[in-house]
Amino acid sequence: MGIMDKVNAAMAIVVIVLSINIAQAKVKPLMACRLTGTSNVVGTVINGDFIDYLYGKDDAQVDESGLHLSSHDTTVYGYQNEGIHSITKYLRFTNGGYNYVVYSVLDGVDNTNQGIAVFKDNKRIMNKKCDGEMKFETDMDFNNLVDYNVVPETEDTAGDILISIQ
């Protein structure tokens, strides 16, 4: 192997390592939790310029089981409301007649309501709570995620959804 071959091989290794690091840096957890009474997890992540929804077994790969939706190819709505003693955040992913809402409602000192609600044709068909506290990125304003192709939710729709998940 000549010197140029060694340089090219070394450059290829550097490019691969940099590509992996850049790809890892672009995926950032936004909201995530394990669901009560199941081995399933639900989460949302920032993936480059989009927000992804992931649901499935804790140890499964994204492409093996569960559901994966992205603001790249489906409509995603974001909502956030902060009061004196409360904060509500959710992301709603649409998929045909289904809506998947990953939510966190902190109301008062000890009342926490977090999980995933699924709606079919505007009727709630599932509401699974988090087992423990949801981990989420607190610095993100869910009303201002247009850079990730997320539409701000209307107050009327948010009110209907929030009543349905309680």
N, C-alpha and C. Protein backbone atom coordinates (compact mmCIF):
# COMPACT_ATOMS: atom_id res chain seq x y z
N MET A 1 0.85 -1.17 0.00
CA MET A 1 0.00 0.00 0.00
C MET A 1 0.90 1.23 0.00
N GLY A 2 0.68 2.12 -0.98
CA GLY A 2 1.47 3.34 -1.08
C GLY A 2 1.00 4.40 -0.09
N ILE A 3 1.76 5.49 -0.01
CA ILE A 3 1.44 6.58 0.92
C ILE A 3 0.06 7.16 0.60
N MET A 4 -0.24 7.37 -0.67
CA MET A 4 -1.54 7.94 -1.03
C MET A 4 -2.68 7.00 -0.64
N ASP A 5 -2.48 5.70 -0.78
CA ASP A 5 -3.49 4.74 -0.37
C ASP A 5 -3.75 4.85 1.13
N LYS A 6 -2.67 5.00 1.90
CA LYS A 6 -2.80 5.13 3.35
C LYS A 6 -3.50 6.44 3.72
N VAL A 7 -3.16 7.52 3.01
CA VAL A 7 -3.81 8.81 3.27
C VAL A 7 -5.29 8.73 2.94
N ASN A 8 -5.60 8.13 1.79
CA ASN A 8 -7.01 7.99 1.39
C ASN A 8 -7.79 7.12 2.38
N ALA A 9 -7.17 6.03 2.85
CA ALA A 9 -7.83 5.17 3.83
C ALA A 9 -8.06 5.92 5.14
N ALA A 10 -7.06 6.68 5.58
CA ALA A 10 -7.19 7.47 6.81
C ALA A 10 -8.28 8.53 6.66
N MET A 11 -8.32 9.18 5.50
CA MET A 11 -9.35 10.21 5.25
C MET A 11 -10.74 9.57 5.26
N ALA A 12 -10.85 8.39 4.69
CA ALA A 12 -12.14 7.69 4.68
C ALA A 12 -12.60 7.38 6.10
N ILE A 13 -11.69 6.97 6.96
CA ILE A 13 -12.03 6.69 8.36
C ILE A 13 -12.46 7.97 9.06
N VAL A 14 -11.75 9.06 8.84
CA VAL A 14 -12.11 10.34 9.45
C VAL A 14 -13.49 10.78 8.99
N VAL A 15 -13.78 10.65 7.69
CA VAL A 15 -15.09 11.03 7.15
C VAL A 15 -16.20 10.19 7.79
N ILE A 16 -15.96 8.87 7.92
CA ILE A 16 -16.97 8.01 8.53
C ILE A 16 -17.21 8.41 9.98
N VAL A 17 -16.16 8.63 10.75
CA VAL A 17 -16.30 9.03 12.16
C VAL A 17 -17.02 10.35 12.27
N LEU A 18 -16.66 11.34 11.43
CA LEU A 18 -17.33 12.64 11.47
C LEU A 18 -18.80 12.50 11.08
N SER A 19 -19.11 11.67 10.08
CA SER A 19 -20.50 11.47 9.66
C SER A 19 -21.33 10.88 10.79
N ILE A 20 -20.77 9.90 11.50
CA ILE A 20 -21.49 9.29 12.62
C ILE A 20 -21.74 10.32 13.70
N ASN A 21 -20.72 11.10 14.06
CA ASN A 21 -20.88 12.11 15.10
C ASN A 21 -21.90 13.18 14.71
N ILE A 22 -21.87 13.60 13.46
CA ILE A 22 -22.84 14.60 13.00
C ILE A 22 -24.24 14.03 13.03
N ALA A 23 -24.40 12.79 12.57
CA ALA A 23 -25.73 12.16 12.58
C ALA A 23 -26.24 12.03 14.00
N GLN A 24 -25.38 11.63 14.94
CA GLN A 24 -25.81 11.48 16.33
C GLN A 24 -26.17 12.83 16.92
N ALA A 25 -25.45 13.87 16.55
CA ALA A 25 -25.70 15.19 17.11
C ALA A 25 -27.04 15.75 16.63
N LYS A 26 -27.50 15.33 15.45
CA LYS A 26 -28.75 15.86 14.90
C LYS A 26 -29.98 15.25 15.54
N VAL A 27 -29.88 14.08 16.15
CA VAL A 27 -31.02 13.44 16.79
C VAL A 27 -30.99 13.80 18.27
N LYS A 28 -32.05 14.49 18.71
CA LYS A 28 -32.10 14.99 20.09
C LYS A 28 -33.43 14.60 20.70
N PRO A 29 -33.43 13.90 21.85
CA PRO A 29 -34.69 13.54 22.50
C PRO A 29 -35.50 14.79 22.86
N LEU A 30 -36.80 14.72 22.66
CA LEU A 30 -37.69 15.83 22.99
C LEU A 30 -38.62 15.45 24.13
N MET A 31 -39.33 14.33 24.00
CA MET A 31 -40.20 13.79 25.05
C MET A 31 -40.09 12.28 25.00
N ALA A 32 -40.02 11.62 26.17
CA ALA A 32 -39.93 10.16 26.16
C ALA A 32 -40.31 9.59 27.51
N CYS A 33 -40.95 8.39 27.49
CA CYS A 33 -41.23 7.68 28.72
C CYS A 33 -41.58 6.23 28.42
N ARG A 34 -41.47 5.40 29.46
CA ARG A 34 -41.94 4.02 29.41
C ARG A 34 -43.40 4.06 29.86
N LEU A 35 -44.25 3.25 29.23
CA LEU A 35 -45.68 3.27 29.52
C LEU A 35 -46.04 2.27 30.61
N THR A 36 -46.91 2.68 31.51
CA THR A 36 -47.33 1.87 32.65
C THR A 36 -47.96 0.56 32.18
N GLY A 37 -47.55 -0.54 32.81
CA GLY A 37 -48.14 -1.84 32.54
C GLY A 37 -47.74 -2.48 31.23
N THR A 38 -46.75 -1.93 30.53
CA THR A 38 -46.30 -2.49 29.25
C THR A 38 -44.78 -2.47 29.19
N SER A 39 -44.25 -3.09 28.16
CA SER A 39 -42.81 -2.98 27.89
C SER A 39 -42.58 -1.98 26.76
N ASN A 40 -43.60 -1.17 26.48
CA ASN A 40 -43.52 -0.20 25.39
C ASN A 40 -43.01 1.14 25.88
N VAL A 41 -42.39 1.84 24.95
CA VAL A 41 -41.95 3.21 25.20
C VAL A 41 -42.54 4.10 24.11
N VAL A 42 -42.69 5.36 24.44
CA VAL A 42 -43.13 6.34 23.47
C VAL A 42 -42.16 7.50 23.55
N GLY A 43 -41.88 8.09 22.42
CA GLY A 43 -40.96 9.21 22.44
C GLY A 43 -41.08 10.06 21.20
N THR A 44 -40.59 11.27 21.32
CA THR A 44 -40.46 12.16 20.18
C THR A 44 -39.03 12.66 20.19
N VAL A 45 -38.45 12.78 19.01
CA VAL A 45 -37.08 13.25 18.89
C VAL A 45 -36.99 14.28 17.78
N ILE A 46 -36.04 15.19 17.94
CA ILE A 46 -35.70 16.09 16.85
C ILE A 46 -34.70 15.32 16.00
N ASN A 47 -35.04 15.15 14.73
CA ASN A 47 -34.20 14.39 13.81
C ASN A 47 -33.85 15.30 12.64
N GLY A 48 -32.74 16.01 12.78
CA GLY A 48 -32.37 16.98 11.75
C GLY A 48 -33.35 18.13 11.73
N ASP A 49 -34.07 18.28 10.61
CA ASP A 49 -35.03 19.38 10.46
C ASP A 49 -36.46 18.96 10.76
N PHE A 50 -36.66 17.75 11.31
CA PHE A 50 -38.00 17.25 11.53
C PHE A 50 -38.15 16.69 12.95
N ILE A 51 -39.41 16.46 13.35
CA ILE A 51 -39.71 15.83 14.64
C ILE A 51 -40.30 14.46 14.33
N ASP A 52 -39.76 13.44 14.98
CA ASP A 52 -40.22 12.07 14.77
C ASP A 52 -40.94 11.55 16.00
N TYR A 53 -41.93 10.71 15.77
CA TYR A 53 -42.68 10.01 16.81
C TYR A 53 -42.28 8.55 16.75
N LEU A 54 -41.93 7.97 17.90
CA LEU A 54 -41.53 6.58 17.97
C LEU A 54 -42.34 5.88 19.04
N TYR A 55 -42.85 4.70 18.73
CA TYR A 55 -43.61 3.91 19.68
C TYR A 55 -43.29 2.45 19.45
N GLY A 56 -43.01 1.72 20.51
CA GLY A 56 -42.75 0.29 20.36
C GLY A 56 -42.08 -0.29 21.58
N LYS A 57 -41.61 -1.51 21.43
CA LYS A 57 -40.92 -2.21 22.51
C LYS A 57 -39.63 -1.49 22.85
N ASP A 58 -39.29 -1.52 24.14
CA ASP A 58 -38.12 -0.81 24.63
C ASP A 58 -36.84 -1.24 23.94
N ASP A 59 -36.70 -2.53 23.66
CA ASP A 59 -35.45 -3.02 23.11
C ASP A 59 -35.47 -3.22 21.59
N ALA A 60 -36.56 -2.84 20.93
CA ALA A 60 -36.67 -3.04 19.48
C ALA A 60 -36.02 -1.89 18.73
N GLN A 61 -35.55 -2.19 17.54
CA GLN A 61 -35.07 -1.16 16.64
C GLN A 61 -36.27 -0.48 16.00
N VAL A 62 -36.12 0.77 15.60
CA VAL A 62 -37.23 1.53 15.03
C VAL A 62 -37.84 0.82 13.83
N ASP A 63 -37.03 0.20 12.99
CA ASP A 63 -37.57 -0.42 11.79
C ASP A 63 -38.07 -1.85 12.02
N GLU A 64 -37.96 -2.39 13.25
CA GLU A 64 -38.40 -3.76 13.52
C GLU A 64 -39.83 -3.86 14.00
N SER A 65 -40.25 -2.94 14.87
CA SER A 65 -41.62 -3.01 15.39
C SER A 65 -42.07 -1.63 15.80
N GLY A 66 -43.35 -1.53 16.04
CA GLY A 66 -43.86 -0.25 16.51
C GLY A 66 -44.23 0.68 15.38
N LEU A 67 -44.33 1.94 15.71
CA LEU A 67 -44.78 2.96 14.78
C LEU A 67 -43.79 4.09 14.76
N HIS A 68 -43.49 4.58 13.58
CA HIS A 68 -42.57 5.70 13.40
C HIS A 68 -43.22 6.69 12.44
N LEU A 69 -43.50 7.90 12.94
CA LEU A 69 -44.06 8.96 12.11
C LEU A 69 -43.11 10.15 12.16
N SER A 70 -43.13 10.97 11.13
CA SER A 70 -42.24 12.13 11.07
C SER A 70 -42.96 13.35 10.51
N SER A 71 -42.56 14.53 11.00
CA SER A 71 -43.11 15.77 10.45
C SER A 71 -42.65 15.96 9.01
N HIS A 72 -41.76 15.10 8.55
CA HIS A 72 -41.32 15.14 7.15
C HIS A 72 -42.46 14.71 6.22
N ASP A 73 -43.29 13.74 6.67
CA ASP A 73 -44.30 13.21 5.77
C ASP A 73 -45.70 13.11 6.37
N THR A 74 -45.92 13.71 7.53
CA THR A 74 -47.27 13.77 8.12
C THR A 74 -47.40 15.11 8.84
N THR A 75 -48.62 15.54 9.10
CA THR A 75 -48.82 16.81 9.79
C THR A 75 -48.64 16.61 11.29
N VAL A 76 -47.85 17.49 11.89
CA VAL A 76 -47.60 17.45 13.32
C VAL A 76 -47.98 18.82 13.89
N TYR A 77 -48.72 18.78 15.02
CA TYR A 77 -49.14 19.99 15.70
C TYR A 77 -48.45 20.06 17.06
N GLY A 78 -48.04 21.27 17.44
CA GLY A 78 -47.43 21.48 18.74
C GLY A 78 -48.28 22.42 19.58
N TYR A 79 -48.28 22.18 20.89
CA TYR A 79 -49.06 23.02 21.80
C TYR A 79 -48.31 23.18 23.12
N GLN A 80 -48.33 24.39 23.64
CA GLN A 80 -47.75 24.67 24.96
C GLN A 80 -48.54 25.80 25.60
N ASN A 81 -48.83 25.64 26.90
CA ASN A 81 -49.52 26.67 27.67
C ASN A 81 -48.93 26.66 29.07
N GLU A 82 -48.51 27.82 29.52
CA GLU A 82 -47.92 27.93 30.86
C GLU A 82 -48.76 28.87 31.71
N GLY A 83 -49.11 28.40 32.92
CA GLY A 83 -49.83 29.22 33.88
C GLY A 83 -48.94 29.47 35.09
N ILE A 84 -49.52 30.03 36.12
CA ILE A 84 -48.75 30.33 37.34
C ILE A 84 -48.21 29.05 37.96
N HIS A 85 -49.04 28.02 38.06
CA HIS A 85 -48.64 26.77 38.69
C HIS A 85 -48.75 25.57 37.75
N SER A 86 -48.80 25.80 36.45
CA SER A 86 -49.00 24.67 35.54
C SER A 86 -48.25 24.89 34.23
N ILE A 87 -47.97 23.79 33.58
CA ILE A 87 -47.40 23.84 32.23
C ILE A 87 -47.93 22.63 31.47
N THR A 88 -48.41 22.87 30.26
CA THR A 88 -48.94 21.83 29.40
C THR A 88 -48.19 21.87 28.08
N LYS A 89 -47.69 20.69 27.66
CA LYS A 89 -47.01 20.58 26.37
C LYS A 89 -47.49 19.30 25.69
N TYR A 90 -47.70 19.37 24.38
CA TYR A 90 -47.95 18.14 23.65
C TYR A 90 -47.58 18.30 22.19
N LEU A 91 -47.34 17.16 21.56
CA LEU A 91 -47.17 17.06 20.12
C LEU A 91 -48.21 16.08 19.61
N ARG A 92 -48.92 16.46 18.54
CA ARG A 92 -49.96 15.62 17.95
C ARG A 92 -49.55 15.25 16.53
N PHE A 93 -49.39 13.96 16.29
CA PHE A 93 -49.00 13.44 14.98
C PHE A 93 -50.23 12.85 14.31
N THR A 94 -50.50 13.25 13.08
CA THR A 94 -51.65 12.74 12.35
C THR A 94 -51.21 11.63 11.41
N ASN A 95 -52.09 10.65 11.23
CA ASN A 95 -51.82 9.54 10.32
C ASN A 95 -53.15 8.99 9.86
N GLY A 96 -53.64 9.48 8.73
CA GLY A 96 -54.97 9.10 8.25
C GLY A 96 -56.01 9.60 9.24
N GLY A 97 -56.91 8.72 9.68
CA GLY A 97 -57.94 9.08 10.66
C GLY A 97 -57.45 9.03 12.10
N TYR A 98 -56.16 8.73 12.30
CA TYR A 98 -55.61 8.61 13.64
C TYR A 98 -54.82 9.84 14.04
N ASN A 99 -54.86 10.13 15.34
CA ASN A 99 -54.03 11.17 15.94
C ASN A 99 -53.32 10.58 17.14
N TYR A 100 -52.02 10.80 17.22
CA TYR A 100 -51.19 10.30 18.32
C TYR A 100 -50.68 11.52 19.08
N VAL A 101 -51.09 11.63 20.34
CA VAL A 101 -50.75 12.81 21.14
C VAL A 101 -49.84 12.40 22.29
N VAL A 102 -48.61 12.87 22.25
CA VAL A 102 -47.67 12.66 23.35
C VAL A 102 -47.75 13.92 24.20
N TYR A 103 -48.13 13.75 25.48
CA TYR A 103 -48.46 14.92 26.29
C TYR A 103 -47.81 14.90 27.66
N SER A 104 -47.69 16.11 28.21
CA SER A 104 -47.23 16.31 29.58
C SER A 104 -48.02 17.47 30.16
N VAL A 105 -48.80 17.17 31.20
CA VAL A 105 -49.60 18.19 31.89
C VAL A 105 -49.15 18.22 33.35
N LEU A 106 -48.49 19.29 33.73
CA LEU A 106 -48.06 19.48 35.12
C LEU A 106 -48.95 20.56 35.70
N ASP A 107 -49.84 20.16 36.61
CA ASP A 107 -50.84 21.08 37.14
C ASP A 107 -50.73 21.09 38.66
N GLY A 108 -50.27 22.17 39.21
CA GLY A 108 -50.09 22.25 40.65
C GLY A 108 -48.77 21.64 41.07
N VAL A 109 -48.62 21.36 42.33
CA VAL A 109 -47.36 20.88 42.86
C VAL A 109 -47.17 19.38 42.62
N ASP A 110 -48.19 18.56 42.88
CA ASP A 110 -48.03 17.12 42.83
C ASP A 110 -48.83 16.41 41.75
N ASN A 111 -49.57 17.12 40.94
CA ASN A 111 -50.44 16.49 39.95
C ASN A 111 -49.75 16.48 38.59
N THR A 112 -49.32 15.30 38.15
CA THR A 112 -48.66 15.16 36.86
C THR A 112 -49.44 14.15 36.02
N ASN A 113 -49.73 14.52 34.78
CA ASN A 113 -50.46 13.67 33.85
C ASN A 113 -49.65 13.63 32.56
N GLN A 114 -48.99 12.49 32.30
CA GLN A 114 -48.13 12.39 31.13
C GLN A 114 -48.35 11.05 30.46
N GLY A 115 -48.24 11.04 29.13
CA GLY A 115 -48.39 9.79 28.41
C GLY A 115 -48.66 9.96 26.94
N ILE A 116 -49.39 8.96 26.38
CA ILE A 116 -49.75 8.95 24.97
C ILE A 116 -51.25 8.68 24.86
N ALA A 117 -51.94 9.50 24.09
CA ALA A 117 -53.36 9.27 23.79
C ALA A 117 -53.49 9.07 22.29
N VAL A 118 -54.30 8.09 21.91
CA VAL A 118 -54.54 7.83 20.49
C VAL A 118 -56.01 8.06 20.21
N PHE A 119 -56.28 8.79 19.14
CA PHE A 119 -57.64 9.10 18.72
C PHE A 119 -57.87 8.55 17.33
N LYS A 120 -59.06 7.97 17.12
CA LYS A 120 -59.48 7.55 15.78
C LYS A 120 -60.76 8.28 15.46
N ASP A 121 -60.75 9.02 14.38
CA ASP A 121 -61.89 9.83 13.98
C ASP A 121 -62.39 10.68 15.16
N ASN A 122 -61.46 11.32 15.85
CA ASN A 122 -61.71 12.23 16.97
C ASN A 122 -62.26 11.58 18.24
N LYS A 123 -62.27 10.25 18.31
CA LYS A 123 -62.67 9.55 19.53
C LYS A 123 -61.43 8.90 20.14
N ARG A 124 -61.25 9.11 21.44
CA ARG A 124 -60.09 8.53 22.10
C ARG A 124 -60.25 7.01 22.18
N ILE A 125 -59.26 6.28 21.69
CA ILE A 125 -59.30 4.83 21.74
C ILE A 125 -58.22 4.26 22.67
N MET A 126 -57.27 5.09 23.08
CA MET A 126 -56.23 4.64 24.00
C MET A 126 -55.67 5.84 24.75
N ASN A 127 -55.37 5.62 26.02
CA ASN A 127 -54.67 6.64 26.81
C ASN A 127 -53.78 5.90 27.81
N LYS A 128 -52.50 5.82 27.52
CA LYS A 128 -51.53 5.14 28.38
C LYS A 128 -50.69 6.18 29.10
N LYS A 129 -50.60 6.00 30.40
CA LYS A 129 -49.82 6.93 31.23
C LYS A 129 -48.36 6.49 31.28
N CYS A 130 -47.50 7.44 31.57
CA CYS A 130 -46.08 7.15 31.75
C CYS A 130 -45.86 6.45 33.08
N ASP A 131 -44.92 5.53 33.10
CA ASP A 131 -44.48 4.87 34.32
C ASP A 131 -43.33 5.71 34.86
N GLY A 132 -43.63 6.60 35.77
CA GLY A 132 -42.64 7.57 36.24
C GLY A 132 -42.74 8.85 35.44
N GLU A 133 -41.84 9.74 35.68
CA GLU A 133 -41.89 11.05 35.04
C GLU A 133 -41.35 11.01 33.62
N MET A 134 -42.03 11.70 32.73
CA MET A 134 -41.58 11.82 31.35
C MET A 134 -40.32 12.67 31.31
N LYS A 135 -39.38 12.27 30.48
CA LYS A 135 -38.20 13.09 30.26
C LYS A 135 -38.45 13.92 29.02
N PHE A 136 -38.25 15.22 29.13
CA PHE A 136 -38.44 16.05 27.95
C PHE A 136 -37.56 17.28 28.00
N GLU A 137 -37.34 17.82 26.81
CA GLU A 137 -36.52 19.01 26.63
C GLU A 137 -37.34 20.22 27.08
N THR A 138 -36.95 20.80 28.19
CA THR A 138 -37.75 21.88 28.77
C THR A 138 -37.54 23.22 28.07
N ASP A 139 -36.47 23.37 27.33
CA ASP A 139 -36.19 24.66 26.70
C ASP A 139 -36.94 24.88 25.39
N MET A 140 -37.59 23.85 24.88
CA MET A 140 -38.29 23.98 23.60
C MET A 140 -39.67 24.59 23.81
N ASP A 141 -40.00 25.58 22.99
CA ASP A 141 -41.34 26.17 22.99
C ASP A 141 -42.17 25.42 21.95
N PHE A 142 -43.11 24.61 22.42
CA PHE A 142 -43.89 23.75 21.52
C PHE A 142 -44.83 24.54 20.63
N ASN A 143 -45.04 25.82 20.90
CA ASN A 143 -45.84 26.66 20.02
C ASN A 143 -45.01 27.24 18.89
N ASN A 144 -43.70 27.04 18.95
CA ASN A 144 -42.81 27.67 17.97
C ASN A 144 -41.81 26.64 17.43
N LEU A 145 -42.33 25.60 16.81
CA LEU A 145 -41.48 24.57 16.23
C LEU A 145 -41.59 24.54 14.71
N VAL A 146 -41.90 25.70 14.10
CA VAL A 146 -42.09 25.76 12.65
C VAL A 146 -40.82 25.38 11.90
N ASP A 147 -39.66 25.58 12.51
CA ASP A 147 -38.40 25.19 11.87
C ASP A 147 -38.31 23.68 11.69
N TYR A 148 -39.13 22.93 12.44
CA TYR A 148 -39.16 21.47 12.35
C TYR A 148 -40.42 20.96 11.65
N ASN A 149 -41.09 21.84 10.91
CA ASN A 149 -42.29 21.50 10.15
C ASN A 149 -43.46 21.13 11.07
N VAL A 150 -43.57 21.80 12.21
CA VAL A 150 -44.65 21.57 13.18
C VAL A 150 -45.57 22.78 13.16
N VAL A 151 -46.87 22.52 13.08
CA VAL A 151 -47.89 23.57 13.01
C VAL A 151 -48.38 23.89 14.43
N PRO A 152 -48.46 25.18 14.81
CA PRO A 152 -49.03 25.50 16.13
C PRO A 152 -50.50 25.06 16.21
N GLU A 153 -50.85 24.41 17.32
CA GLU A 153 -52.22 23.92 17.54
C GLU A 153 -53.13 25.09 17.89
N THR A 154 -54.41 25.01 17.48
CA THR A 154 -55.38 26.04 17.85
C THR A 154 -55.85 25.81 19.29
N GLU A 155 -56.27 26.85 19.95
CA GLU A 155 -56.75 26.75 21.33
C GLU A 155 -57.98 25.84 21.43
N ASP A 156 -58.89 25.93 20.46
CA ASP A 156 -60.10 25.10 20.50
C ASP A 156 -59.76 23.61 20.41
N THR A 157 -58.92 23.25 19.47
CA THR A 157 -58.53 21.85 19.34
C THR A 157 -57.76 21.39 20.57
N ALA A 158 -56.86 22.23 21.06
CA ALA A 158 -56.09 21.87 22.27
C ALA A 158 -57.01 21.62 23.45
N GLY A 159 -58.02 22.47 23.61
CA GLY A 159 -58.97 22.29 24.71
C GLY A 159 -59.70 20.96 24.62
N ASP A 160 -60.15 20.60 23.42
CA ASP A 160 -60.85 19.33 23.22
C ASP A 160 -59.93 18.14 23.56
N ILE A 161 -58.70 18.21 23.11
CA ILE A 161 -57.75 17.12 23.36
C ILE A 161 -57.44 17.02 24.84
N LEU A 162 -57.19 18.13 25.49
CA LEU A 162 -56.82 18.12 26.90
C LEU A 162 -57.96 17.59 27.77
N ILE A 163 -59.20 17.90 27.43
CA ILE A 163 -60.34 17.36 28.16
C ILE A 163 -60.40 15.84 27.97
N SER A 164 -60.09 15.36 26.78
CA SER A 164 -60.16 13.92 26.49
C SER A 164 -59.10 13.09 27.18
N ILE A 165 -57.96 13.67 27.53
CA ILE A 165 -56.88 12.86 28.12
C ILE A 165 -56.93 12.84 29.64
N GLN A 166 -57.81 13.61 30.25
CA GLN A 166 -57.85 13.62 31.71
C GLN A 166 -58.57 12.44 32.27
